[in-house]
């Protein structure tokens, strides 16, 4: 029997405890956010000392009674851009990775690819 997918709503996530892959508390979900022009969501969480940070939805392993994050090694592989020189498919010029938007930028064409 196929397992049925279950949607996760913002209301379900609000106030939920976020734990890392080792079961340590990373904080509490305060909001769900997205960046205009970028695919994907992030969780805005607040730690025990009041510090806040955003966690990309790509870093989430599971949601149940808690939000469980993927192990750090898996997160590092997701977040690291390719190290080989990337070239623009339009002009063939070199691309530059913009960490803030996690996208490749062509300085010559002045656009993200």
PDB file of N, CA and C in Angstrom:
ATOM      1  N   UNK A   1       0.840  -1.183   0.000  1.00  0.00           N
ATOM      2  CA  UNK A   1       0.000   0.000   0.000  1.00  0.00           C
ATOM      3  C   UNK A   1       0.883   1.243   0.000  1.00  0.00           C
ATOM      4  N   UNK A   2       0.614   2.190  -0.882  1.00  0.00           N
ATOM      5  CA  UNK A   2       1.418   3.405  -1.005  1.00  0.00           C
ATOM      6  C   UNK A   2       1.159   4.330   0.178  1.00  0.00           C
ATOM      7  N   UNK A   3       2.224   4.957   0.667  1.00  0.00           N
ATOM      8  CA  UNK A   3       2.112   5.894   1.774  1.00  0.00           C
ATOM      9  C   UNK A   3       1.577   7.213   1.242  1.00  0.00           C
ATOM     10  N   UNK A   4       0.543   7.743   1.872  1.00  0.00           N
ATOM     11  CA  UNK A   4      -0.069   8.991   1.432  1.00  0.00           C
ATOM     12  C   UNK A   4       0.739  10.174   1.959  1.00  0.00           C
ATOM     13  N   UNK A   5       1.022  11.137   1.083  1.00  0.00           N
ATOM     14  CA  UNK A   5       1.744  12.339   1.486  1.00  0.00           C
ATOM     15  C   UNK A   5       0.823  13.236   2.299  1.00  0.00           C
ATOM     16  N   UNK A   6       1.394  13.863   3.314  1.00  0.00           N
ATOM     17  CA  UNK A   6       0.619  14.758   4.162  1.00  0.00           C
ATOM     18  C   UNK A   6       1.198  16.163   4.057  1.00  0.00           C
ATOM     19  N   UNK A   7       0.358  17.120   3.756  1.00  0.00           N
ATOM     20  CA  UNK A   7       0.796  18.515   3.653  1.00  0.00           C
ATOM     21  C   UNK A   7       1.092  19.068   5.040  1.00  0.00           C
ATOM     22  N   UNK A   8       2.035  19.990   5.102  1.00  0.00           N
ATOM     23  CA  UNK A   8       2.387  20.675   6.337  1.00  0.00           C
ATOM     24  C   UNK A   8       2.007  22.136   6.158  1.00  0.00           C
ATOM     25  N   UNK A   9       1.165  22.639   7.040  1.00  0.00           N
ATOM     26  CA  UNK A   9       0.717  24.027   6.933  1.00  0.00           C
ATOM     27  C   UNK A   9       1.534  24.932   7.850  1.00  0.00           C
ATOM     28  N   UNK A  10       1.462  26.214   7.583  1.00  0.00           N
ATOM     29  CA  UNK A  10       2.149  27.194   8.428  1.00  0.00           C
ATOM     30  C   UNK A  10       1.638  27.101   9.861  1.00  0.00           C
ATOM     31  N   UNK A  11       0.327  26.961  10.019  1.00  0.00           N
ATOM     32  CA  UNK A  11      -0.252  26.881  11.357  1.00  0.00           C
ATOM     33  C   UNK A  11       0.273  25.678  12.133  1.00  0.00           C
ATOM     34  N   UNK A  12       0.527  24.574  11.446  1.00  0.00           N
ATOM     35  CA  UNK A  12       1.078  23.388  12.100  1.00  0.00           C
ATOM     36  C   UNK A  12       2.508  23.641  12.576  1.00  0.00           C
ATOM     37  N   UNK A  13       3.281  24.406  11.800  1.00  0.00           N
ATOM     38  CA  UNK A  13       4.687  24.652  12.111  1.00  0.00           C
ATOM     39  C   UNK A  13       4.896  25.694  13.216  1.00  0.00           C
ATOM     40  N   UNK A  14       4.005  26.667  13.290  1.00  0.00           N
ATOM     41  CA  UNK A  14       4.173  27.765  14.246  1.00  0.00           C
ATOM     42  C   UNK A  14       4.275  27.233  15.672  1.00  0.00           C
ATOM     43  N   UNK A  15       5.358  27.620  16.369  1.00  0.00           N
ATOM     44  CA  UNK A  15       5.568  27.216  17.746  1.00  0.00           C
ATOM     45  C   UNK A  15       6.207  25.850  17.913  1.00  0.00           C
ATOM     46  N   UNK A  16       6.432  25.149  16.804  1.00  0.00           N
ATOM     47  CA  UNK A  16       7.011  23.812  16.874  1.00  0.00           C
ATOM     48  C   UNK A  16       8.503  23.894  17.205  1.00  0.00           C
ATOM     49  N   UNK A  17       8.982  22.958  18.015  1.00  0.00           N
ATOM     50  CA  UNK A  17      10.395  22.886  18.368  1.00  0.00           C
ATOM     51  C   UNK A  17      11.184  22.314  17.199  1.00  0.00           C
ATOM     52  N   UNK A  18      12.331  22.930  16.911  1.00  0.00           N
ATOM     53  CA  UNK A  18      13.228  22.462  15.855  1.00  0.00           C
ATOM     54  C   UNK A  18      14.402  21.772  16.539  1.00  0.00           C
ATOM     55  N   UNK A  19      14.683  20.525  16.121  1.00  0.00           N
ATOM     56  CA  UNK A  19      15.807  19.786  16.691  1.00  0.00           C
ATOM     57  C   UNK A  19      16.772  19.398  15.580  1.00  0.00           C
ATOM     58  N   UNK A  20      18.070  19.347  15.927  1.00  0.00           N
ATOM     59  CA  UNK A  20      19.052  18.913  14.934  1.00  0.00           C
ATOM     60  C   UNK A  20      19.026  17.397  14.837  1.00  0.00           C
ATOM     61  N   UNK A  21      19.840  16.841  13.963  1.00  0.00           N
ATOM     62  CA  UNK A  21      19.847  15.404  13.719  1.00  0.00           C
ATOM     63  C   UNK A  21      20.252  14.604  14.956  1.00  0.00           C
ATOM     64  N   UNK A  22      20.914  15.261  15.916  1.00  0.00           N
ATOM     65  CA  UNK A  22      21.321  14.601  17.155  1.00  0.00           C
ATOM     66  C   UNK A  22      20.289  14.764  18.269  1.00  0.00           C
ATOM     67  N   UNK A  23      19.165  15.417  17.970  1.00  0.00           N
ATOM     68  CA  UNK A  23      18.100  15.582  18.945  1.00  0.00           C
ATOM     69  C   UNK A  23      18.231  16.798  19.840  1.00  0.00           C
ATOM     70  N   UNK A  24      19.207  17.657  19.577  1.00  0.00           N
ATOM     71  CA  UNK A  24      19.383  18.878  20.377  1.00  0.00           C
ATOM     72  C   UNK A  24      18.461  19.970  19.851  1.00  0.00           C
ATOM     73  N   UNK A  25      17.886  20.733  20.764  1.00  0.00           N
ATOM     74  CA  UNK A  25      16.985  21.814  20.375  1.00  0.00           C
ATOM     75  C   UNK A  25      17.752  22.919  19.655  1.00  0.00           C
ATOM     76  N   UNK A  26      17.228  23.327  18.496  1.00  0.00           N
ATOM     77  CA  UNK A  26      17.833  24.422  17.737  1.00  0.00           C
ATOM     78  C   UNK A  26      17.005  25.691  17.878  1.00  0.00           C
ATOM     79  N   UNK A  27      15.780  25.556  18.409  1.00  0.00           N
ATOM     80  CA  UNK A  27      14.924  26.717  18.578  1.00  0.00           C
ATOM     81  C   UNK A  27      13.467  26.382  18.345  1.00  0.00           C
ATOM     82  N   UNK A  28      12.672  27.431  18.164  1.00  0.00           N
ATOM     83  CA  UNK A  28      11.233  27.311  17.962  1.00  0.00           C
ATOM     84  C   UNK A  28      10.842  28.061  16.700  1.00  0.00           C
ATOM     85  N   UNK A  29       9.956  27.472  15.898  1.00  0.00           N
ATOM     86  CA  UNK A  29       9.493  28.119  14.670  1.00  0.00           C
ATOM     87  C   UNK A  29       8.644  29.330  15.029  1.00  0.00           C
ATOM     88  N   UNK A  30       9.064  30.499  14.530  1.00  0.00           N
ATOM     89  CA  UNK A  30       8.326  31.742  14.758  1.00  0.00           C
ATOM     90  C   UNK A  30       7.555  32.179  13.522  1.00  0.00           C
ATOM     91  N   UNK A  31       8.049  31.785  12.330  1.00  0.00           N
ATOM     92  CA  UNK A  31       7.376  32.174  11.095  1.00  0.00           C
ATOM     93  C   UNK A  31       7.900  31.330   9.946  1.00  0.00           C
ATOM     94  N   UNK A  32       7.208  31.378   8.836  1.00  0.00           N
ATOM     95  CA  UNK A  32       7.612  30.727   7.595  1.00  0.00           C
ATOM     96  C   UNK A  32       7.811  31.837   6.577  1.00  0.00           C
ATOM     97  N   UNK A  33       8.927  31.779   5.845  1.00  0.00           N
ATOM     98  CA  UNK A  33       9.259  32.880   4.936  1.00  0.00           C
ATOM     99  C   UNK A  33       9.709  32.357   3.587  1.00  0.00           C
ATOM    100  N   UNK A  34       9.776  33.257   2.619  1.00  0.00           N
ATOM    101  CA  UNK A  34      10.336  32.964   1.305  1.00  0.00           C
ATOM    102  C   UNK A  34      11.007  34.213   0.783  1.00  0.00           C
ATOM    103  N   UNK A  35      11.912  34.011  -0.172  1.00  0.00           N
ATOM    104  CA  UNK A  35      12.607  35.125  -0.803  1.00  0.00           C
ATOM    105  C   UNK A  35      12.020  35.303  -2.200  1.00  0.00           C
ATOM    106  N   UNK A  36      11.614  36.502  -2.520  1.00  0.00           N
ATOM    107  CA  UNK A  36      11.045  36.788  -3.837  1.00  0.00           C
ATOM    108  C   UNK A  36      12.081  36.464  -4.911  1.00  0.00           C
ATOM    109  N   UNK A  37      11.677  35.749  -5.933  1.00  0.00           N
ATOM    110  CA  UNK A  37      12.566  35.389  -7.028  1.00  0.00           C
ATOM    111  C   UNK A  37      13.349  34.109  -6.779  1.00  0.00           C
ATOM    112  N   UNK A  38      13.108  33.463  -5.646  1.00  0.00           N
ATOM    113  CA  UNK A  38      13.823  32.238  -5.319  1.00  0.00           C
ATOM    114  C   UNK A  38      12.804  31.161  -4.970  1.00  0.00           C
ATOM    115  N   UNK A  39      13.037  29.964  -5.442  1.00  0.00           N
ATOM    116  CA  UNK A  39      12.134  28.860  -5.152  1.00  0.00           C
ATOM    117  C   UNK A  39      12.460  28.310  -3.764  1.00  0.00           C
ATOM    118  N   UNK A  40      11.462  28.033  -2.992  1.00  0.00           N
ATOM    119  CA  UNK A  40      11.661  27.408  -1.695  1.00  0.00           C
ATOM    120  C   UNK A  40      11.267  28.288  -0.528  1.00  0.00           C
ATOM    121  N   UNK A  41      11.091  27.634   0.604  1.00  0.00           N
ATOM    122  CA  UNK A  41      10.698  28.299   1.830  1.00  0.00           C
ATOM    123  C   UNK A  41      11.811  28.215   2.854  1.00  0.00           C
ATOM    124  N   UNK A  42      11.677  28.981   3.904  1.00  0.00           N
ATOM    125  CA  UNK A  42      12.583  28.853   5.040  1.00  0.00           C
ATOM    126  C   UNK A  42      11.777  29.024   6.315  1.00  0.00           C
ATOM    127  N   UNK A  43      12.295  28.456   7.383  1.00  0.00           N
ATOM    128  CA  UNK A  43      11.683  28.598   8.688  1.00  0.00           C
ATOM    129  C   UNK A  43      12.446  29.665   9.453  1.00  0.00           C
ATOM    130  N   UNK A  44      11.743  30.625  10.001  1.00  0.00           N
ATOM    131  CA  UNK A  44      12.363  31.643  10.842  1.00  0.00           C
ATOM    132  C   UNK A  44      12.235  31.117  12.264  1.00  0.00           C
ATOM    133  N   UNK A  45      13.387  30.773  12.884  1.00  0.00           N
ATOM    134  CA  UNK A  45      13.339  30.198  14.223  1.00  0.00           C
ATOM    135  C   UNK A  45      14.036  31.104  15.227  1.00  0.00           C
ATOM    136  N   UNK A  46      13.644  30.952  16.481  1.00  0.00           N
ATOM    137  CA  UNK A  46      14.251  31.710  17.565  1.00  0.00           C
ATOM    138  C   UNK A  46      14.838  30.726  18.565  1.00  0.00           C
ATOM    139  N   UNK A  47      16.101  30.948  18.927  1.00  0.00           N
ATOM    140  CA  UNK A  47      16.790  30.090  19.876  1.00  0.00           C
ATOM    141  C   UNK A  47      16.438  30.435  21.313  1.00  0.00           C
ATOM    142  N   UNK A  48      16.973  29.644  22.240  1.00  0.00           N
ATOM    143  CA  UNK A  48      16.688  29.825  23.672  1.00  0.00           C
ATOM    144  C   UNK A  48      17.141  31.186  24.194  1.00  0.00           C
ATOM    145  N   UNK A  49      18.211  31.735  23.604  1.00  0.00           N
ATOM    146  CA  UNK A  49      18.742  33.018  24.069  1.00  0.00           C
ATOM    147  C   UNK A  49      18.147  34.204  23.319  1.00  0.00           C
ATOM    148  N   UNK A  50      17.117  33.952  22.496  1.00  0.00           N
ATOM    149  CA  UNK A  50      16.461  35.028  21.762  1.00  0.00           C
ATOM    150  C   UNK A  50      17.040  35.318  20.392  1.00  0.00           C
ATOM    151  N   UNK A  51      18.137  34.620  20.035  1.00  0.00           N
ATOM    152  CA  UNK A  51      18.725  34.834  18.715  1.00  0.00           C
ATOM    153  C   UNK A  51      17.822  34.185  17.661  1.00  0.00           C
ATOM    154  N   UNK A  52      17.765  34.798  16.490  1.00  0.00           N
ATOM    155  CA  UNK A  52      16.916  34.248  15.433  1.00  0.00           C
ATOM    156  C   UNK A  52      17.748  33.963  14.196  1.00  0.00           C
ATOM    157  N   UNK A  53      17.272  33.000  13.419  1.00  0.00           N
ATOM    158  CA  UNK A  53      17.930  32.652  12.154  1.00  0.00           C
ATOM    159  C   UNK A  53      16.913  31.979  11.248  1.00  0.00           C
ATOM    160  N   UNK A  54      17.257  31.932   9.976  1.00  0.00           N
ATOM    161  CA  UNK A  54      16.410  31.279   8.989  1.00  0.00           C
ATOM    162  C   UNK A  54      17.032  29.950   8.600  1.00  0.00           C
ATOM    163  N   UNK A  55      16.193  28.939   8.482  1.00  0.00           N
ATOM    164  CA  UNK A  55      16.631  27.610   8.070  1.00  0.00           C
ATOM    165  C   UNK A  55      15.897  27.266   6.788  1.00  0.00           C
ATOM    166  N   UNK A  56      16.646  26.969   5.750  1.00  0.00           N
ATOM    167  CA  UNK A  56      16.051  26.602   4.472  1.00  0.00           C
ATOM    168  C   UNK A  56      15.247  25.311   4.614  1.00  0.00           C
ATOM    169  N   UNK A  57      14.135  25.231   3.896  1.00  0.00           N
ATOM    170  CA  UNK A  57      13.299  24.032   3.926  1.00  0.00           C
ATOM    171  C   UNK A  57      14.104  22.819   3.447  1.00  0.00           C
ATOM    172  N   UNK A  58      15.142  23.033   2.615  1.00  0.00           N
ATOM    173  CA  UNK A  58      16.005  21.949   2.148  1.00  0.00           C
ATOM    174  C   UNK A  58      16.765  21.290   3.297  1.00  0.00           C
ATOM    175  N   UNK A  59      16.908  21.986   4.414  1.00  0.00           N
ATOM    176  CA  UNK A  59      17.634  21.462   5.568  1.00  0.00           C
ATOM    177  C   UNK A  59      16.745  20.621   6.484  1.00  0.00           C
ATOM    178  N   UNK A  60      15.434  20.573   6.198  1.00  0.00           N
ATOM    179  CA  UNK A  60      14.489  19.842   7.039  1.00  0.00           C
ATOM    180  C   UNK A  60      14.396  18.396   6.569  1.00  0.00           C
ATOM    181  N   UNK A  61      14.575  17.483   7.525  1.00  0.00           N
ATOM    182  CA  UNK A  61      14.498  16.049   7.221  1.00  0.00           C
ATOM    183  C   UNK A  61      13.079  15.528   7.400  1.00  0.00           C
ATOM    184  N   UNK A  62      12.406  15.964   8.483  1.00  0.00           N
ATOM    185  CA  UNK A  62      11.071  15.450   8.781  1.00  0.00           C
ATOM    186  C   UNK A  62      10.314  16.445   9.656  1.00  0.00           C
ATOM    187  N   UNK A  63       8.976  16.317   9.613  1.00  0.00           N
ATOM    188  CA  UNK A  63       8.112  17.112  10.474  1.00  0.00           C
ATOM    189  C   UNK A  63       7.097  16.162  11.085  1.00  0.00           C
ATOM    190  N   UNK A  64       7.000  16.194  12.392  1.00  0.00           N
ATOM    191  CA  UNK A  64       6.036  15.376  13.133  1.00  0.00           C
ATOM    192  C   UNK A  64       5.682  16.137  14.386  1.00  0.00           C
ATOM    193  N   UNK A  65       6.090  15.593  15.535  1.00  0.00           N
ATOM    194  CA  UNK A  65       5.933  16.326  16.784  1.00  0.00           C
ATOM    195  C   UNK A  65       6.962  17.444  16.873  1.00  0.00           C
ATOM    196  N   UNK A  66       8.065  17.298  16.123  1.00  0.00           N
ATOM    197  CA  UNK A  66       9.154  18.270  16.041  1.00  0.00           C
ATOM    198  C   UNK A  66       9.498  18.479  14.582  1.00  0.00           C
ATOM    199  N   UNK A  67      10.230  19.559  14.304  1.00  0.00           N
ATOM    200  CA  UNK A  67      10.877  19.731  13.007  1.00  0.00           C
ATOM    201  C   UNK A  67      12.282  19.167  13.188  1.00  0.00           C
ATOM    202  N   UNK A  68      12.625  18.156  12.405  1.00  0.00           N
ATOM    203  CA  UNK A  68      13.930  17.506  12.530  1.00  0.00           C
ATOM    204  C   UNK A  68      14.804  17.926  11.347  1.00  0.00           C
ATOM    205  N   UNK A  69      15.998  18.446  11.664  1.00  0.00           N
ATOM    206  CA  UNK A  69      16.924  18.886  10.625  1.00  0.00           C
ATOM    207  C   UNK A  69      17.772  17.726  10.127  1.00  0.00           C
ATOM    208  N   UNK A  70      18.237  17.840   8.899  1.00  0.00           N
ATOM    209  CA  UNK A  70      19.136  16.840   8.325  1.00  0.00           C
ATOM    210  C   UNK A  70      20.492  16.917   9.025  1.00  0.00           C
ATOM    211  N   UNK A  71      21.256  15.823   8.996  1.00  0.00           N
ATOM    212  CA  UNK A  71      22.612  15.875   9.574  1.00  0.00           C
ATOM    213  C   UNK A  71      23.437  16.967   8.902  1.00  0.00           C
ATOM    214  N   UNK A  72      24.383  17.533   9.633  1.00  0.00           N
ATOM    215  CA  UNK A  72      25.204  18.641   9.138  1.00  0.00           C
ATOM    216  C   UNK A  72      25.923  18.299   7.847  1.00  0.00           C
ATOM    217  N   UNK A  73      26.398  17.066   7.675  1.00  0.00           N
ATOM    218  CA  UNK A  73      27.105  16.671   6.453  1.00  0.00           C
ATOM    219  C   UNK A  73      26.188  16.783   5.248  1.00  0.00           C
ATOM    220  N   UNK A  74      24.944  16.351   5.386  1.00  0.00           N
ATOM    221  CA  UNK A  74      23.992  16.442   4.279  1.00  0.00           C
ATOM    222  C   UNK A  74      23.694  17.894   3.953  1.00  0.00           C
ATOM    223  N   UNK A  75      23.580  18.750   4.989  1.00  0.00           N
ATOM    224  CA  UNK A  75      23.320  20.163   4.770  1.00  0.00           C
ATOM    225  C   UNK A  75      24.479  20.819   4.038  1.00  0.00           C
ATOM    226  N   UNK A  76      25.706  20.475   4.408  1.00  0.00           N
ATOM    227  CA  UNK A  76      26.888  21.065   3.775  1.00  0.00           C
ATOM    228  C   UNK A  76      26.931  20.709   2.298  1.00  0.00           C
ATOM    229  N   UNK A  77      26.550  19.501   1.956  1.00  0.00           N
ATOM    230  CA  UNK A  77      26.551  19.088   0.548  1.00  0.00           C
ATOM    231  C   UNK A  77      25.507  19.868  -0.244  1.00  0.00           C
ATOM    232  N   UNK A  78      24.366  20.131   0.370  1.00  0.00           N
ATOM    233  CA  UNK A  78      23.302  20.882  -0.304  1.00  0.00           C
ATOM    234  C   UNK A  78      23.712  22.332  -0.510  1.00  0.00           C
ATOM    235  N   UNK A  79      24.323  22.946   0.512  1.00  0.00           N
ATOM    236  CA  UNK A  79      24.593  24.369   0.491  1.00  0.00           C
ATOM    237  C   UNK A  79      25.825  24.745  -0.324  1.00  0.00           C
ATOM    238  N   UNK A  80      26.760  23.834  -0.514  1.00  0.00           N
ATOM    239  CA  UNK A  80      27.988  24.173  -1.208  1.00  0.00           C
ATOM    240  C   UNK A  80      27.770  24.221  -2.718  1.00  0.00           C
ATOM    241  N   UNK A  81      28.094  25.316  -3.356  1.00  0.00           N
ATOM    242  CA  UNK A  81      27.995  25.376  -4.810  1.00  0.00           C
ATOM    243  C   UNK A  81      29.104  24.534  -5.427  1.00  0.00           C
ATOM    244  N   UNK A  82      28.939  24.207  -6.676  1.00  0.00           N
ATOM    245  CA  UNK A  82      29.969  23.449  -7.380  1.00  0.00           C
ATOM    246  C   UNK A  82      31.237  24.283  -7.441  1.00  0.00           C
ATOM    247  N   UNK A  83      32.393  23.627  -7.309  1.00  0.00           N
ATOM    248  CA  UNK A  83      33.649  24.368  -7.273  1.00  0.00           C
ATOM    249  C   UNK A  83      34.224  24.607  -8.666  1.00  0.00           C
ATOM    250  N   UNK A  84      33.812  23.861  -9.665  1.00  0.00           N
ATOM    251  CA  UNK A  84      34.306  24.079 -11.020  1.00  0.00           C
ATOM    252  C   UNK A  84      33.773  25.416 -11.533  1.00  0.00           C
ATOM    253  N   UNK A  85      34.503  26.038 -12.433  1.00  0.00           N
ATOM    254  CA  UNK A  85      34.068  27.313 -12.998  1.00  0.00           C
ATOM    255  C   UNK A  85      32.803  27.073 -13.821  1.00  0.00           C
ATOM    256  N   UNK A  86      31.772  27.798 -13.469  1.00  0.00           N
ATOM    257  CA  UNK A  86      30.499  27.696 -14.178  1.00  0.00           C
ATOM    258  C   UNK A  86      30.467  28.751 -15.280  1.00  0.00           C
ATOM    259  N   UNK A  87      29.864  28.404 -16.409  1.00  0.00           N
ATOM    260  CA  UNK A  87      29.768  29.362 -17.508  1.00  0.00           C
ATOM    261  C   UNK A  87      28.309  29.639 -17.837  1.00  0.00           C
ATOM    262  N   UNK A  88      28.072  30.847 -18.288  1.00  0.00           N
ATOM    263  CA  UNK A  88      26.730  31.296 -18.639  1.00  0.00           C
ATOM    264  C   UNK A  88      26.257  30.569 -19.897  1.00  0.00           C
ATOM    265  N   UNK A  89      25.040  30.023 -19.873  1.00  0.00           N
ATOM    266  CA  UNK A  89      24.528  29.343 -21.060  1.00  0.00           C
ATOM    267  C   UNK A  89      24.204  30.306 -22.202  1.00  0.00           C
ATOM    268  N   UNK A  90      24.048  31.597 -21.899  1.00  0.00           N
ATOM    269  CA  UNK A  90      23.719  32.594 -22.925  1.00  0.00           C
ATOM    270  C   UNK A  90      24.964  33.146 -23.609  1.00  0.00           C
ATOM    271  N   UNK A  91      25.923  33.641 -22.792  1.00  0.00           N
ATOM    272  CA  UNK A  91      27.087  34.314 -23.384  1.00  0.00           C
ATOM    273  C   UNK A  91      28.384  33.514 -23.263  1.00  0.00           C
ATOM    274  N   UNK A  92      28.386  32.470 -22.438  1.00  0.00           N
ATOM    275  CA  UNK A  92      29.592  31.665 -22.266  1.00  0.00           C
ATOM    276  C   UNK A  92      30.595  32.248 -21.285  1.00  0.00           C
ATOM    277  N   UNK A  93      30.269  33.408 -20.707  1.00  0.00           N
ATOM    278  CA  UNK A  93      31.162  34.038 -19.734  1.00  0.00           C
ATOM    279  C   UNK A  93      31.106  33.339 -18.381  1.00  0.00           C
ATOM    280  N   UNK A  94      32.049  33.660 -17.495  1.00  0.00           N
ATOM    281  CA  UNK A  94      32.064  33.016 -16.189  1.00  0.00           C
ATOM    282  C   UNK A  94      30.897  33.485 -15.317  1.00  0.00           C
ATOM    283  N   UNK A  95      30.420  32.581 -14.475  1.00  0.00           N
ATOM    284  CA  UNK A  95      29.360  32.909 -13.540  1.00  0.00           C
ATOM    285  C   UNK A  95      29.945  33.057 -12.144  1.00  0.00           C
ATOM    286  N   UNK A  96      29.249  33.796 -11.320  1.00  0.00           N
ATOM    287  CA  UNK A  96      29.664  34.024  -9.942  1.00  0.00           C
ATOM    288  C   UNK A  96      28.512  33.598  -9.039  1.00  0.00           C
ATOM    289  N   UNK A  97      28.825  32.801  -7.994  1.00  0.00           N
ATOM    290  CA  UNK A  97      27.795  32.321  -7.078  1.00  0.00           C
ATOM    291  C   UNK A  97      27.498  33.386  -6.025  1.00  0.00           C
ATOM    292  N   UNK A  98      26.220  33.756  -5.880  1.00  0.00           N
ATOM    293  CA  UNK A  98      25.799  34.749  -4.900  1.00  0.00           C
ATOM    294  C   UNK A  98      25.160  33.979  -3.741  1.00  0.00           C
ATOM    295  N   UNK A  99      25.909  33.862  -2.637  1.00  0.00           N
ATOM    296  CA  UNK A  99      25.487  33.058  -1.484  1.00  0.00           C
ATOM    297  C   UNK A  99      24.154  33.534  -0.918  1.00  0.00           C
ATOM    298  N   UNK A 100      23.952  34.855  -0.838  1.00  0.00           N
ATOM    299  CA  UNK A 100      22.734  35.414  -0.259  1.00  0.00           C
ATOM    300  C   UNK A 100      21.484  34.863  -0.943  1.00  0.00           C
ATOM    301  N   UNK A 101      21.536  34.693  -2.262  1.00  0.00           N
ATOM    302  CA  UNK A 101      20.382  34.219  -3.022  1.00  0.00           C
ATOM    303  C   UNK A 101      20.539  32.771  -3.465  1.00  0.00           C
ATOM    304  N   UNK A 102      21.713  32.189  -3.182  1.00  0.00           N
ATOM    305  CA  UNK A 102      22.018  30.822  -3.571  1.00  0.00           C
ATOM    306  C   UNK A 102      21.718  30.588  -5.053  1.00  0.00           C
ATOM    307  N   UNK A 103      22.244  31.529  -5.867  1.00  0.00           N
ATOM    308  CA  UNK A 103      22.053  31.458  -7.321  1.00  0.00           C
ATOM    309  C   UNK A 103      23.316  31.916  -8.018  1.00  0.00           C
ATOM    310  N   UNK A 104      23.428  31.530  -9.290  1.00  0.00           N
ATOM    311  CA  UNK A 104      24.568  31.929 -10.121  1.00  0.00           C
ATOM    312  C   UNK A 104      24.214  33.211 -10.862  1.00  0.00           C
ATOM    313  N   UNK A 105      25.181  34.153 -10.943  1.00  0.00           N
ATOM    314  CA  UNK A 105      24.998  35.465 -11.563  1.00  0.00           C
ATOM    315  C   UNK A 105      25.989  35.624 -12.703  1.00  0.00           C
ATOM    316  N   UNK A 106      25.506  36.159 -13.823  1.00  0.00           N
ATOM    317  CA  UNK A 106      26.371  36.478 -14.961  1.00  0.00           C
ATOM    318  C   UNK A 106      26.595  37.983 -14.946  1.00  0.00           C
ATOM    319  N   UNK A 107      27.859  38.412 -14.721  1.00  0.00           N
ATOM    320  CA  UNK A 107      28.175  39.842 -14.696  1.00  0.00           C
ATOM    321  C   UNK A 107      28.044  40.457 -16.080  1.00  0.00           C
ATOM    322  N   UNK A 108      28.361  39.668 -17.109  1.00  0.00           N
ATOM    323  CA  UNK A 108      28.305  40.192 -18.474  1.00  0.00           C
ATOM    324  C   UNK A 108      26.848  40.464 -18.902  1.00  0.00           C
ATOM    325  N   UNK A 109      25.941  39.495 -18.660  1.00  0.00           N
ATOM    326  CA  UNK A 109      24.532  39.651 -19.034  1.00  0.00           C
ATOM    327  C   UNK A 109      23.715  40.364 -17.959  1.00  0.00           C
ATOM    328  N   UNK A 110      24.324  40.534 -16.763  1.00  0.00           N
ATOM    329  CA  UNK A 110      23.664  41.173 -15.651  1.00  0.00           C
ATOM    330  C   UNK A 110      22.316  40.495 -15.314  1.00  0.00           C
ATOM    331  N   UNK A 111      22.395  39.152 -15.107  1.00  0.00           N
ATOM    332  CA  UNK A 111      21.194  38.395 -14.763  1.00  0.00           C
ATOM    333  C   UNK A 111      21.571  37.086 -14.074  1.00  0.00           C
ATOM    334  N   UNK A 112      20.608  36.549 -13.323  1.00  0.00           N
ATOM    335  CA  UNK A 112      20.780  35.245 -12.718  1.00  0.00           C
ATOM    336  C   UNK A 112      20.458  34.178 -13.755  1.00  0.00           C
ATOM    337  N   UNK A 113      21.170  33.067 -13.655  1.00  0.00           N
ATOM    338  CA  UNK A 113      20.905  31.954 -14.573  1.00  0.00           C
ATOM    339  C   UNK A 113      20.457  30.740 -13.793  1.00  0.00           C
TER     340      UNK A 113
END
